[in-house]
C-alpha atoms as a PDB file:
ATOM      1  CA  MET A   1      63.076 -76.656  -6.328  1.00  0.00           C
ATOM      2  CA  ASN A   2      59.758 -77.916  -5.103  1.00  0.00           C
ATOM      3  CA  GLN A   3      58.512 -81.813  -4.946  1.00  0.00           C
ATOM      4  CA  ALA A   4      55.472 -83.859  -4.733  1.00  0.00           C
ATOM      5  CA  LEU A   5      54.353 -87.113  -4.991  1.00  0.00           C
ATOM      6  CA  TYR A   6      50.482 -88.016  -4.995  1.00  0.00           C
ATOM      7  CA  GLU A   7      48.870 -91.799  -3.952  1.00  0.00           C
ATOM      8  CA  LEU A   8      46.017 -91.609  -6.398  1.00  0.00           C
ATOM      9  CA  PRO A   9      42.996 -93.642  -5.070  1.00  0.00           C
ATOM     10  CA  GLY A  10      42.229 -96.771  -6.636  1.00  0.00           C
ATOM     11  CA  LYS A  11      42.384-100.478  -5.131  1.00  0.00           C
ATOM     12  CA  GLY A  12      43.099-103.862  -7.074  1.00  0.00           C
ATOM     13  CA  ARG A  13      45.498-105.459  -9.172  1.00  0.00           C
ATOM     14  CA  LEU A  14      44.723-102.716 -12.519  1.00  0.00           C
ATOM     15  CA  LEU A  15      43.511 -99.652 -10.779  1.00  0.00           C
ATOM     16  CA  GLY A  16      45.329 -99.243  -7.286  1.00  0.00           C
ATOM     17  CA  GLY A  17      49.075 -98.663  -6.888  1.00  0.00           C
ATOM     18  CA  TRP A  18      49.027 -95.590  -8.883  1.00  0.00           C
ATOM     19  CA  GLN A  19      51.027 -92.506  -8.471  1.00  0.00           C
ATOM     20  CA  LEU A  20      51.420 -88.849  -9.450  1.00  0.00           C
ATOM     21  CA  ASN A  21      54.586 -86.785  -9.425  1.00  0.00           C
ATOM     22  CA  MET A  22      55.885 -83.720  -9.830  1.00  0.00           C
ATOM     23  CA  LEU A  23      58.461 -81.462 -10.181  1.00  0.00           C
ATOM     24  CA  CYS A  24      58.552 -77.669 -10.187  1.00  0.00           C
ATOM     25  CA  ASN A  25      61.375 -75.395 -10.456  1.00  0.00           C
ATOM     26  CA  LEU A  26      60.925 -71.963  -9.917  1.00  0.00           C
ATOM     27  CA  LYS A  27      64.793 -69.395 -10.213  1.00  0.00           C
ATOM     28  CA  HIS A  28      64.206 -65.962  -9.522  1.00  0.00           C
ATOM     29  CA  ARG A  29      66.063 -63.318 -11.624  1.00  0.00           C
ATOM     30  CA  GLN A  30      69.558 -63.697 -12.926  1.00  0.00           C
ATOM     31  CA  LEU A  31      72.004 -61.222 -13.579  1.00  0.00           C
ATOM     32  CA  VAL A  32      73.163 -60.970 -17.342  1.00  0.00           C
ATOM     33  CA  HIS A  33      76.095 -59.563 -18.799  1.00  0.00           C
ATOM     34  CA  ALA A  34      75.650 -57.636 -21.743  1.00  0.00           C
ATOM     35  CA  GLY A  35      78.182 -57.388 -24.020  1.00  0.00           C
ATOM     36  CA  ILE A  36      79.422 -56.953 -28.022  1.00  0.00           C
ATOM     37  CA  GLN A  37      82.119 -58.339 -30.016  1.00  0.00           C
ATOM     38  CA  ARG A  38      84.796 -56.333 -31.963  1.00  0.00           C
ATOM     39  CA  ARG A  39      87.228 -58.874 -34.521  1.00  0.00           C
ATOM     40  CA  GLY A  40      89.988 -57.046 -34.629  1.00  0.00           C
ATOM     41  CA  ALA A  41      92.115 -56.571 -38.239  1.00  0.00           C
ATOM     42  CA  CYS A  42      94.603 -59.261 -37.187  1.00  0.00           C
ATOM     43  CA  GLN A  43      92.565 -62.035 -35.164  1.00  0.00           C
ATOM     44  CA  ARG A  44      90.852 -64.723 -36.693  1.00  0.00           C
ATOM     45  CA  GLU A  45      88.149 -65.179 -33.477  1.00  0.00           C
ATOM     46  CA  PRO A  46      85.964 -62.209 -31.979  1.00  0.00           C
ATOM     47  CA  LEU A  47      86.508 -60.652 -29.003  1.00  0.00           C
ATOM     48  CA  ASP A  48      84.316 -60.071 -26.029  1.00  0.00           C
ATOM     49  CA  LEU A  49      84.017 -56.668 -24.611  1.00  0.00           C
ATOM     50  CA  SER A  50      82.225 -54.317 -22.075  1.00  0.00           C
ATOM     51  CA  PRO A  51      79.595 -51.456 -23.690  1.00  0.00           C
ATOM     52  CA  ASP A  52      80.463 -47.694 -22.904  1.00  0.00           C
ATOM     53  CA  LEU A  53      77.200 -46.964 -20.572  1.00  0.00           C
ATOM     54  CA  ALA A  54      75.469 -43.975 -23.075  1.00  0.00           C
ATOM     55  CA  THR A  55      73.218 -43.213 -20.218  1.00  0.00           C
ATOM     56  CA  GLY A  56      73.108 -43.006 -16.374  1.00  0.00           C
ATOM     57  CA  THR A  57      70.591 -45.564 -16.308  1.00  0.00           C
ATOM     58  CA  ILE A  58      69.228 -48.368 -18.456  1.00  0.00           C
ATOM     59  CA  ALA A  59      65.954 -48.442 -19.226  1.00  0.00           C
ATOM     60  CA  MET A  60      64.072 -52.462 -18.741  1.00  0.00           C
ATOM     61  CA  PRO A  61      60.180 -52.121 -20.437  1.00  0.00           C
ATOM     62  CA  ARG A  62      60.384 -56.238 -20.268  1.00  0.00           C
ATOM     63  CA  THR A  63      58.461 -56.970 -22.975  1.00  0.00           C
ATOM     64  CA  GLN A  64      58.671 -60.140 -25.227  1.00  0.00           C
ATOM     65  CA  ALA A  65      59.962 -57.910 -28.194  1.00  0.00           C
ATOM     66  CA  GLN A  66      62.358 -55.746 -25.939  1.00  0.00           C
ATOM     67  CA  TRP A  67      63.694 -56.494 -22.446  1.00  0.00           C
ATOM     68  CA  PHE A  68      66.211 -53.885 -22.029  1.00  0.00           C
ATOM     69  CA  ASP A  69      66.753 -50.461 -24.211  1.00  0.00           C
ATOM     70  CA  ARG A  70      70.156 -51.923 -26.209  1.00  0.00           C
ATOM     71  CA  THR A  71      70.611 -47.740 -26.982  1.00  0.00           C
ATOM     72  CA  ALA A  72      71.318 -47.710 -23.231  1.00  0.00           C
ATOM     73  CA  PHE A  73      75.062 -48.986 -24.841  1.00  0.00           C
ATOM     74  CA  VAL A  74      77.557 -48.669 -27.609  1.00  0.00           C
ATOM     75  CA  ALA A  75      80.937 -49.627 -28.149  1.00  0.00           C
ATOM     76  CA  PRO A  76      83.910 -48.462 -26.556  1.00  0.00           C
ATOM     77  CA  ALA A  77      86.838 -47.062 -28.114  1.00  0.00           C
ATOM     78  CA  SER A  78      88.891 -48.632 -29.999  1.00  0.00           C
ATOM     79  CA  GLY A  79      91.672 -50.642 -28.401  1.00  0.00           C
ATOM     80  CA  GLN A  80      89.383 -49.938 -24.453  1.00  0.00           C
ATOM     81  CA  TRP A  81      88.055 -51.795 -22.511  1.00  0.00           C
ATOM     82  CA  GLY A  82      84.003 -50.785 -22.047  1.00  0.00           C
ATOM     83  CA  ASN A  83      82.538 -49.049 -18.912  1.00  0.00           C
ATOM     84  CA  ALA A  84      79.330 -51.207 -18.494  1.00  0.00           C
ATOM     85  CA  GLY A  85      79.671 -53.420 -15.282  1.00  0.00           C
ATOM     86  CA  ARG A  86      79.092 -57.122 -15.486  1.00  0.00           C
ATOM     87  CA  GLY A  87      75.901 -58.405 -14.175  1.00  0.00           C
ATOM     88  CA  ILE A  88      73.554 -55.395 -14.633  1.00  0.00           C
ATOM     89  CA  LEU A  89      70.828 -56.209 -16.513  1.00  0.00           C
ATOM     90  CA  GLU A  90      68.336 -58.240 -14.793  1.00  0.00           C
ATOM     91  CA  GLY A  91      66.823 -61.636 -16.592  1.00  0.00           C
ATOM     92  CA  PRO A  92      63.672 -62.635 -16.505  1.00  0.00           C
ATOM     93  CA  VAL A  93      61.788 -65.386 -14.300  1.00  0.00           C
ATOM     94  CA  THR A  94      62.548 -68.618 -15.645  1.00  0.00           C
ATOM     95  CA  SER A  95      60.251 -71.501 -14.467  1.00  0.00           C
ATOM     96  CA  SER A  96      59.476 -75.397 -15.076  1.00  0.00           C
ATOM     97  CA  SER A  97      57.934 -78.233 -14.331  1.00  0.00           C
ATOM     98  CA  ALA A  98      58.215 -81.889 -14.493  1.00  0.00           C
ATOM     99  CA  TRP A  99      54.859 -84.360 -14.333  1.00  0.00           C
ATOM    100  CA  ALA A 100      54.826 -88.155 -14.177  1.00  0.00           C
ATOM    101  CA  PHE A 101      52.585 -90.968 -13.820  1.00  0.00           C
ATOM    102  CA  ARG A 102      54.626 -94.431 -11.808  1.00  0.00           C
ATOM    103  CA  LYS A 103      52.389 -97.501 -11.304  1.00  0.00           C
ATOM    104  CA  ARG A 104      54.010 -99.643  -8.410  1.00  0.00           C
ATOM    105  CA  PHE A 105      53.368-103.273  -8.303  1.00  0.00           C
ATOM    106  CA  THR A 106      55.400-106.377  -6.312  1.00  0.00           C
ATOM    107  CA  TRP A 107      57.048-108.954  -8.597  1.00  0.00           C
ATOM    108  CA  SER A 108      55.125-111.485  -6.555  1.00  0.00           C
ATOM    109  CA  ALA A 109      52.150-109.682  -7.674  1.00  0.00           C
ATOM    110  CA  TRP A 110      51.858-110.538 -11.257  1.00  0.00           C
ATOM    111  CA  ALA A 111      53.788-114.143 -10.624  1.00  0.00           C
ATOM    112  CA  PRO A 112      51.119-116.684 -11.786  1.00  0.00           C
ATOM    113  CA  SER A 113      49.612-119.023  -9.095  1.00  0.00           C
ATOM    114  CA  PRO A 114      51.236-122.644  -7.615  1.00  0.00           C
END
């Protein structure tokens, strides 16, 4: 996470004391688990399973429409766990930022003079 604070130029009660604040968070590709859900005959809730790898490699086109090749995975045989490992896919790089303007003042500056 990076942050920056900039004092904006200005003087006086109205124009002075303004700041620009910025926070920026950039995350590298995080590992993602491929999973499927299967519901058994006696189960109310679906069971999360690891799929089987249908191919030796997983194509990663990394487009908005298709981040990875979904045909590289198939459902495992009934009663079996899949052979795909955890964290075998890379997620996208994500970033977020927050900006704020802030006015710094003291109460004595706003109090009426006696």
